Amino acid sequence: MRALIYGGGAVGLGIASCLILSGAKVDIIAREGTVSALRRGGLERTGIFGSVLLRPSEFGAHASLDDLLGGREGSKPEPAPGLGEGLESDYDCDYVLVCTKSHGSPAAAADLSRHRKILGDGGKIVLFQNGWGNAEIFAEHFPKDQIYSARVITGFSRPENNVVEVTVHADSIHLGSLFGSDLAPMAPLGEAITTGGIPAEVVPEVGKDLWAKMLYNCALNPLGAIFGVPYGDLAEVSASREIMEALIGEIFAVMKAAGYRTHWSTPDEYRAVFYERLLPPTARHVSSTLQDIRAKKSTEIEALSGAVVRLGEEVGVPTPTNATLYRMVKFMEARNLSAGEGNGS
């Protein structure tokens, strides 16, 4: 198996570690600082699934697809067998795993489209991203039967450029198609990720899983970022619980009007599971939205609360609570970016 990790953030490095451990040939596209750290020190994974250090010779790390395909001389390290050099004519990926932030989807889709030869005849794109709407962006560039989605509710953090920590794990990674495509191509990928240490499985209705994650993320991420607290703190005070319950109610109303479904029929059914089963194992997790605000980066709020608000407008369902939190996070984000301190991911 040959896999390309497009986006070397915490999620990308976490999934890359699994695939490398499974014996797959893996290349990682990441920012220059991450590439340099990976080439010097390898890839280290720590956390709840144990510690492992993967040598630089066990994978490839590149700053762009042009670098990967030999487009810039002197930019590549000594390659491991089967990686790195000589890829212009024979690089044929089984999977491209897109692990960028959701706001990077348009640029990622366009970049991969310009280099679509890396997918060969049967390669698949798998979106390991937060939010709703990413698959539609990629469908503007690729056939729908080439695009798959992953639901990830494992928590990853990156204390150093080449170190990823698995902080929490609520359920296995789910792989599937939003477009009714054949699921058989996802089975080898799921097996490889599982072999590498993080459980993964193929599911028939990944859309239900993605909306379940939308419920979870939209209830917790913006509010956690605004208050500057981990998930569990939000459940301890009635005022914040009331806000989360209003958010959940609005999302269910939007889903129903738009014709989408998740695993629970009513907001009350979901709230019971949310407080009793989903929150406890991730109580100390700090949301990616808060991490981005603290790091003065762009957040994924557009694909979370923003997606709910826009879909609500389309189907005529008011979303005042989601809209208010969306605007508050956008204010925090704008203050960071206007200070000139960057918006990298």
Protein backbone atom coordinates (compact mmCIF):
# COMPACT_ATOMS: atom_id res chain seq x y z
CA MET A 1 0.00 0.00 0.00
CA ARG A 2 1.20 3.49 -0.84
CA ALA A 3 -0.45 6.42 0.93
CA LEU A 4 0.04 10.16 0.78
CA ILE A 5 -0.78 12.22 3.86
CA TYR A 6 -1.77 15.69 2.63
CA GLY A 7 -1.43 17.88 5.70
CA GLY A 8 1.14 17.21 8.41
CA GLY A 9 -0.71 18.58 11.42
CA ALA A 10 -1.63 16.55 14.48
CA VAL A 11 -4.25 14.37 12.77
CA GLY A 12 -2.09 13.82 9.70
CA LEU A 13 0.93 12.75 11.71
CA GLY A 14 -1.20 10.52 13.93
CA ILE A 15 -2.70 8.65 10.98
CA ALA A 16 0.67 8.58 9.19
CA SER A 17 2.22 6.83 12.19
CA CYS A 18 -0.39 4.08 11.97
CA LEU A 19 0.14 3.49 8.27
CA ILE A 20 3.93 3.45 8.57
CA LEU A 21 3.71 0.94 11.41
CA SER A 22 1.45 -1.24 9.27
CA GLY A 23 4.15 -1.47 6.60
CA ALA A 24 2.65 0.97 4.10
CA LYS A 25 4.84 3.27 2.01
CA VAL A 26 3.96 6.74 3.27
CA ASP A 27 4.79 10.27 2.14
CA ILE A 28 3.74 13.34 4.13
CA ILE A 29 3.06 16.79 2.66
CA ALA A 30 3.58 19.40 5.35
CA ARG A 31 4.91 22.87 6.05
CA GLU A 32 8.63 23.50 5.79
CA GLY A 33 9.21 23.51 9.55
CA THR A 34 7.44 20.19 9.98
CA VAL A 35 9.27 18.67 7.02
CA SER A 36 12.63 19.72 8.45
CA ALA A 37 11.78 18.30 11.88
CA LEU A 38 10.55 15.01 10.40
CA ARG A 39 13.69 14.63 8.27
CA ARG A 40 15.94 15.35 11.26
CA GLY A 41 14.23 13.50 14.06
CA GLY A 42 11.72 11.14 12.51
CA LEU A 43 8.09 10.89 13.60
CA GLU A 44 7.31 10.28 17.26
CA ARG A 45 3.90 9.23 18.55
CA THR A 46 3.06 9.28 22.25
CA GLY A 47 -0.08 9.11 24.33
CA ILE A 48 -2.77 6.63 25.22
CA PHE A 49 -1.87 4.07 22.55
CA GLY A 50 1.78 3.92 23.57
CA SER A 51 4.99 5.48 22.31
CA VAL A 52 6.80 4.80 19.06
CA LEU A 53 9.60 6.52 17.14
CA LEU A 54 9.71 6.11 13.37
CA ARG A 55 13.03 6.84 11.67
CA PRO A 56 13.27 9.40 8.84
CA SER A 57 14.22 6.57 6.48
CA GLU A 58 10.86 4.88 7.06
CA PHE A 59 8.76 7.53 5.28
CA GLY A 60 9.01 10.57 3.01
CA ALA A 61 8.42 14.19 4.02
CA HIS A 62 7.95 16.97 1.47
CA ALA A 63 6.90 20.60 1.46
CA SER A 64 4.72 20.31 -1.65
CA LEU A 65 3.49 17.92 -4.29
CA ASP A 66 6.02 19.43 -6.69
CA ASP A 67 8.78 18.49 -4.26
CA LEU A 68 7.37 15.00 -3.94
CA LEU A 69 7.29 14.55 -7.70
CA GLY A 70 10.80 15.89 -8.19
CA GLY A 71 9.91 19.45 -9.10
CA ARG A 72 12.63 21.21 -7.13
CA GLU A 73 16.21 20.04 -7.05
CA GLY A 74 17.99 19.81 -3.73
CA SER A 75 14.81 19.79 -1.69
CA LYS A 76 14.62 16.10 -0.94
CA PRO A 77 16.42 14.01 1.69
CA GLU A 78 18.05 10.70 1.05
CA PRO A 79 15.02 8.54 0.30
CA ALA A 80 13.97 5.30 1.89
CA PRO A 81 13.63 2.43 -0.60
CA GLY A 82 10.56 3.09 -2.73
CA LEU A 83 10.14 6.67 -1.45
CA GLY A 84 11.28 10.08 -2.52
CA GLU A 85 13.32 10.00 -5.72
CA GLY A 86 12.31 9.00 -9.21
CA LEU A 87 8.61 9.52 -8.66
CA GLU A 88 7.74 11.54 -11.76
CA SER A 89 6.73 8.54 -13.85
CA ASP A 90 5.76 5.84 -11.38
CA TYR A 91 4.24 7.48 -8.30
CA ASP A 92 0.86 5.80 -7.96
CA CYS A 93 -1.02 6.30 -4.72
CA ASP A 94 -3.64 3.93 -3.38
CA TYR A 95 -4.87 6.61 -0.99
CA VAL A 96 -4.50 10.34 -0.52
CA LEU A 97 -5.55 11.16 3.04
CA VAL A 98 -6.47 14.84 3.26
CA CYS A 99 -5.73 15.98 6.81
CA THR A 100 -5.75 19.75 6.37
CA LYS A 101 -7.98 22.07 8.31
CA SER A 102 -11.39 22.43 6.68
CA HIS A 103 -10.64 26.00 5.56
CA GLY A 104 -7.81 24.52 3.49
CA SER A 105 -10.14 22.30 1.45
CA PRO A 106 -10.47 24.53 -1.65
CA ALA A 107 -6.70 24.94 -1.99
CA ALA A 108 -6.04 21.26 -1.26
CA ALA A 109 -8.61 20.09 -3.79
CA ALA A 110 -7.20 22.39 -6.47
CA ASP A 111 -3.62 21.34 -5.73
CA LEU A 112 -4.43 17.63 -5.87
CA SER A 113 -6.41 18.18 -9.06
CA ARG A 114 -3.35 19.72 -10.71
CA HIS A 115 -1.36 16.63 -9.66
CA ARG A 116 -4.09 14.04 -10.18
CA LYS A 117 -1.62 11.64 -11.83
CA ILE A 118 -0.49 10.63 -8.33
CA LEU A 119 -3.82 8.79 -7.92
CA GLY A 120 -3.22 6.60 -10.96
CA ASP A 121 -6.25 4.68 -12.19
CA GLY A 122 -7.76 3.58 -8.88
CA GLY A 123 -6.48 5.83 -6.10
CA LYS A 124 -8.95 7.18 -3.56
CA ILE A 125 -9.15 10.47 -1.70
CA VAL A 126 -10.15 10.14 1.96
CA LEU A 127 -11.07 13.28 3.89
CA PHE A 128 -9.90 13.25 7.52
CA GLN A 129 -11.37 16.66 8.27
CA ASN A 130 -13.76 18.37 10.65
CA GLY A 131 -17.03 19.93 9.66
CA TRP A 132 -19.54 19.60 6.87
CA GLY A 133 -19.12 20.46 3.18
CA ASN A 134 -15.58 19.25 2.49
CA ALA A 135 -16.68 16.37 0.24
CA GLU A 136 -18.69 18.74 -1.96
CA ILE A 137 -15.59 20.92 -2.44
CA PHE A 138 -13.55 17.93 -3.61
CA ALA A 139 -16.43 16.75 -5.82
CA GLU A 140 -15.94 19.91 -7.88
CA HIS A 141 -12.56 18.49 -8.96
CA PHE A 142 -12.86 14.70 -8.77
CA PRO A 143 -15.48 12.03 -9.52
CA LYS A 144 -17.65 11.35 -6.50
CA ASP A 145 -16.75 7.65 -6.53
CA GLN A 146 -13.14 8.66 -5.84
CA ILE A 147 -13.99 10.64 -2.69
CA TYR A 148 -14.47 9.08 0.75
CA SER A 149 -14.83 10.52 4.24
CA ALA A 150 -13.47 9.64 7.68
CA ARG A 151 -15.10 10.38 11.02
CA VAL A 152 -12.38 10.88 13.65
CA ILE A 153 -13.19 11.41 17.32
CA THR A 154 -9.73 10.60 18.56
CA GLY A 155 -7.93 13.60 20.05
CA PHE A 156 -4.48 14.48 18.72
CA SER A 157 -2.13 17.25 19.76
CA ARG A 158 1.29 18.22 18.41
CA PRO A 159 3.66 19.44 21.15
CA GLU A 160 6.53 19.56 18.64
CA ASN A 161 6.63 19.66 14.85
CA ASN A 162 7.51 15.98 14.55
CA VAL A 163 5.72 14.72 17.68
CA VAL A 164 2.05 13.78 17.89
CA GLU A 165 0.29 12.83 21.11
CA VAL A 166 -2.92 10.80 21.16
CA THR A 167 -4.78 12.46 24.02
CA VAL A 168 -8.27 10.90 24.00
CA HIS A 169 -10.16 8.24 22.07
CA ALA A 170 -13.96 8.10 22.09
CA ASP A 171 -14.60 5.60 19.27
CA SER A 172 -12.98 3.92 16.27
CA ILE A 173 -12.25 5.91 13.12
CA HIS A 174 -15.13 5.39 10.67
CA LEU A 175 -14.51 5.25 6.92
CA GLY A 176 -17.23 5.52 4.28
CA SER A 177 -18.78 7.38 1.36
CA LEU A 178 -21.26 10.25 1.33
CA PHE A 179 -22.07 9.45 -2.29
CA GLY A 180 -23.07 5.79 -2.09
CA SER A 181 -19.81 4.51 -3.57
CA ASP A 182 -18.41 0.99 -3.23
CA LEU A 183 -16.94 0.61 0.26
CA ALA A 184 -14.58 -2.26 -0.57
CA PRO A 185 -11.61 0.08 -1.28
CA MET A 186 -11.78 1.35 2.30
CA ALA A 187 -11.27 -2.07 3.90
CA PRO A 188 -7.46 -2.24 3.38
CA LEU A 189 -7.07 1.31 4.70
CA GLY A 190 -9.12 0.53 7.81
CA GLU A 191 -7.09 -2.62 8.44
CA ALA A 192 -3.81 -0.73 8.07
CA ILE A 193 -4.81 2.04 10.49
CA THR A 194 -5.97 -0.56 13.01
CA THR A 195 -2.75 -2.54 12.62
CA GLY A 196 -0.87 0.69 13.34
CA GLY A 197 -2.53 1.09 16.70
CA ILE A 198 -5.74 3.12 16.33
CA PRO A 199 -9.00 1.21 15.71
CA ALA A 200 -10.70 1.93 12.38
CA GLU A 201 -13.63 0.38 10.56
CA VAL A 202 -15.69 0.78 7.39
CA VAL A 203 -19.31 1.85 7.91
CA PRO A 204 -22.28 2.02 5.50
CA GLU A 205 -23.62 5.44 6.55
CA VAL A 206 -20.72 7.69 7.37
CA GLY A 207 -22.97 10.72 6.86
CA LYS A 208 -24.76 9.86 10.10
CA ASP A 209 -21.37 9.75 11.82
CA LEU A 210 -20.30 13.10 10.39
CA TRP A 211 -23.50 14.75 11.60
CA ALA A 212 -23.01 13.12 15.00
CA LYS A 213 -19.58 14.71 15.11
CA MET A 214 -21.05 18.03 13.96
CA LEU A 215 -23.43 17.88 16.93
CA TYR A 216 -20.53 17.14 19.26
CA ASN A 217 -18.13 19.73 17.82
CA CYS A 218 -20.68 22.51 17.41
CA ALA A 219 -21.91 22.06 20.97
CA LEU A 220 -18.41 22.13 22.45
CA ASN A 221 -15.81 23.79 20.24
CA PRO A 222 -17.01 27.39 19.94
CA LEU A 223 -18.17 27.59 23.55
CA GLY A 224 -14.93 26.04 24.81
CA ALA A 225 -12.94 28.53 22.74
CA ILE A 226 -14.93 31.53 23.97
CA PHE A 227 -14.63 30.52 27.62
CA GLY A 228 -11.10 29.10 27.27
CA VAL A 229 -11.91 25.78 28.95
CA PRO A 230 -11.74 22.04 28.15
CA TYR A 231 -14.87 20.15 27.16
CA GLY A 232 -15.75 18.79 30.59
CA ASP A 233 -15.95 22.19 32.25
CA LEU A 234 -18.86 23.12 30.01
CA ALA A 235 -21.03 20.36 31.45
CA GLU A 236 -20.47 21.42 35.05
CA VAL A 237 -22.46 24.67 35.00
CA SER A 238 -26.14 24.93 34.15
CA ALA A 239 -25.67 28.14 32.14
CA SER A 240 -23.25 26.55 29.68
CA ARG A 241 -25.35 23.36 29.54
CA GLU A 242 -28.37 25.45 28.51
CA ILE A 243 -26.36 27.01 25.68
CA MET A 244 -25.14 23.61 24.47
CA GLU A 245 -28.66 22.20 24.58
CA ALA A 246 -29.95 25.11 22.49
CA LEU A 247 -27.17 24.52 19.95
CA ILE A 248 -28.07 20.83 19.72
CA GLY A 249 -31.77 21.62 19.24
CA GLU A 250 -31.05 24.00 16.38
CA ILE A 251 -28.80 21.49 14.62
CA PHE A 252 -31.45 18.78 14.80
CA ALA A 253 -33.99 21.17 13.30
CA VAL A 254 -31.62 22.04 10.44
CA MET A 255 -30.78 18.38 9.78
CA LYS A 256 -34.43 17.43 9.63
CA ALA A 257 -35.34 20.26 7.26
CA ALA A 258 -32.34 19.52 5.01
CA GLY A 259 -33.09 15.79 4.82
CA TYR A 260 -30.06 14.58 6.78
CA ARG A 261 -30.07 12.07 9.63
CA THR A 262 -27.86 10.94 12.44
CA HIS A 263 -28.00 8.05 14.93
CA TRP A 264 -30.57 9.68 17.23
CA SER A 265 -34.11 10.72 16.33
CA THR A 266 -34.52 13.63 18.75
CA PRO A 267 -32.37 16.19 20.54
CA ASP A 268 -33.29 14.63 23.89
CA GLU A 269 -32.01 11.21 22.79
CA TYR A 270 -28.73 12.76 21.73
CA ARG A 271 -28.33 14.91 24.85
CA ALA A 272 -28.57 11.84 27.09
CA VAL A 273 -25.79 10.08 25.17
CA PHE A 274 -23.79 13.30 24.94
CA TYR A 275 -23.62 13.82 28.70
CA GLU A 276 -23.45 10.18 29.78
CA ARG A 277 -21.19 8.59 27.19
CA LEU A 278 -19.50 11.07 24.84
CA LEU A 279 -18.30 13.82 27.17
CA PRO A 280 -16.73 11.80 30.03
CA PRO A 281 -13.83 10.23 28.07
CA THR A 282 -12.96 13.58 26.45
CA ALA A 283 -13.62 15.85 29.43
CA ARG A 284 -10.06 17.18 29.64
CA HIS A 285 -9.66 17.66 25.91
CA VAL A 286 -9.07 21.20 24.68
CA SER A 287 -10.86 21.75 21.39
CA SER A 288 -9.00 22.40 18.16
CA THR A 289 -10.87 25.72 17.96
CA LEU A 290 -9.38 26.86 21.27
CA GLN A 291 -5.97 25.54 20.27
CA ASP A 292 -6.15 27.56 17.04
CA ILE A 293 -7.26 30.72 18.86
CA ARG A 294 -4.40 30.39 21.33
CA ALA A 295 -1.95 29.79 18.48
CA LYS A 296 -3.39 32.79 16.59
CA LYS A 297 -4.40 30.65 13.62
CA SER A 298 -7.52 30.45 11.48
CA THR A 299 -10.14 28.19 13.03
CA GLU A 300 -12.52 25.71 11.42
CA ILE A 301 -15.60 27.57 12.62
CA GLU A 302 -16.82 28.11 9.03
CA ALA A 303 -17.20 24.34 8.53
CA LEU A 304 -18.77 23.87 11.98
CA SER A 305 -21.17 26.53 13.29
CA GLY A 306 -20.88 28.43 10.00
CA ALA A 307 -22.05 25.40 8.04
CA VAL A 308 -25.07 25.01 10.35
CA VAL A 309 -25.99 28.68 9.98
CA ARG A 310 -25.70 28.63 6.17
CA LEU A 311 -27.66 25.39 5.85
CA GLY A 312 -30.30 26.79 8.19
CA GLU A 313 -30.66 29.84 5.95
CA GLU A 314 -31.06 27.57 2.92
CA VAL A 315 -33.86 25.52 4.49
CA GLY A 316 -35.54 28.35 6.40
CA VAL A 317 -34.63 27.24 9.94
CA PRO A 318 -33.47 29.93 12.40
CA THR A 319 -30.18 29.20 14.20
CA PRO A 320 -29.71 32.17 16.56
CA THR A 321 -27.54 30.37 19.14
CA ASN A 322 -25.21 28.83 16.57
CA ALA A 323 -25.06 32.15 14.73
CA THR A 324 -24.14 34.09 17.88
CA LEU A 325 -21.30 31.73 18.83
CA TYR A 326 -20.12 31.66 15.20
CA ARG A 327 -19.84 35.45 15.20
CA MET A 328 -18.07 35.49 18.56
CA VAL A 329 -15.42 33.04 17.37
CA LYS A 330 -15.05 35.01 14.12
CA PHE A 331 -14.40 38.11 16.24
CA MET A 332 -11.70 36.32 18.24
CA GLU A 333 -10.18 34.97 15.04
CA ALA A 334 -10.22 38.37 13.34
CA ARG A 335 -8.46 40.04 16.27
CA ASN A 336 -5.71 37.43 16.11
CA LEU A 337 -5.25 37.70 12.35
CA SER A 338 -5.43 41.49 12.27
CA ALA A 339 -2.52 41.53 14.72
CA GLY A 340 -0.43 40.09 11.91
CA GLU A 341 0.56 36.94 13.78
CA GLY A 342 -0.32 34.46 11.04
CA ASN A 343 -3.03 32.06 10.10
CA GLY A 344 -1.12 28.85 9.41
CA SER A 345 -2.40 25.43 10.25
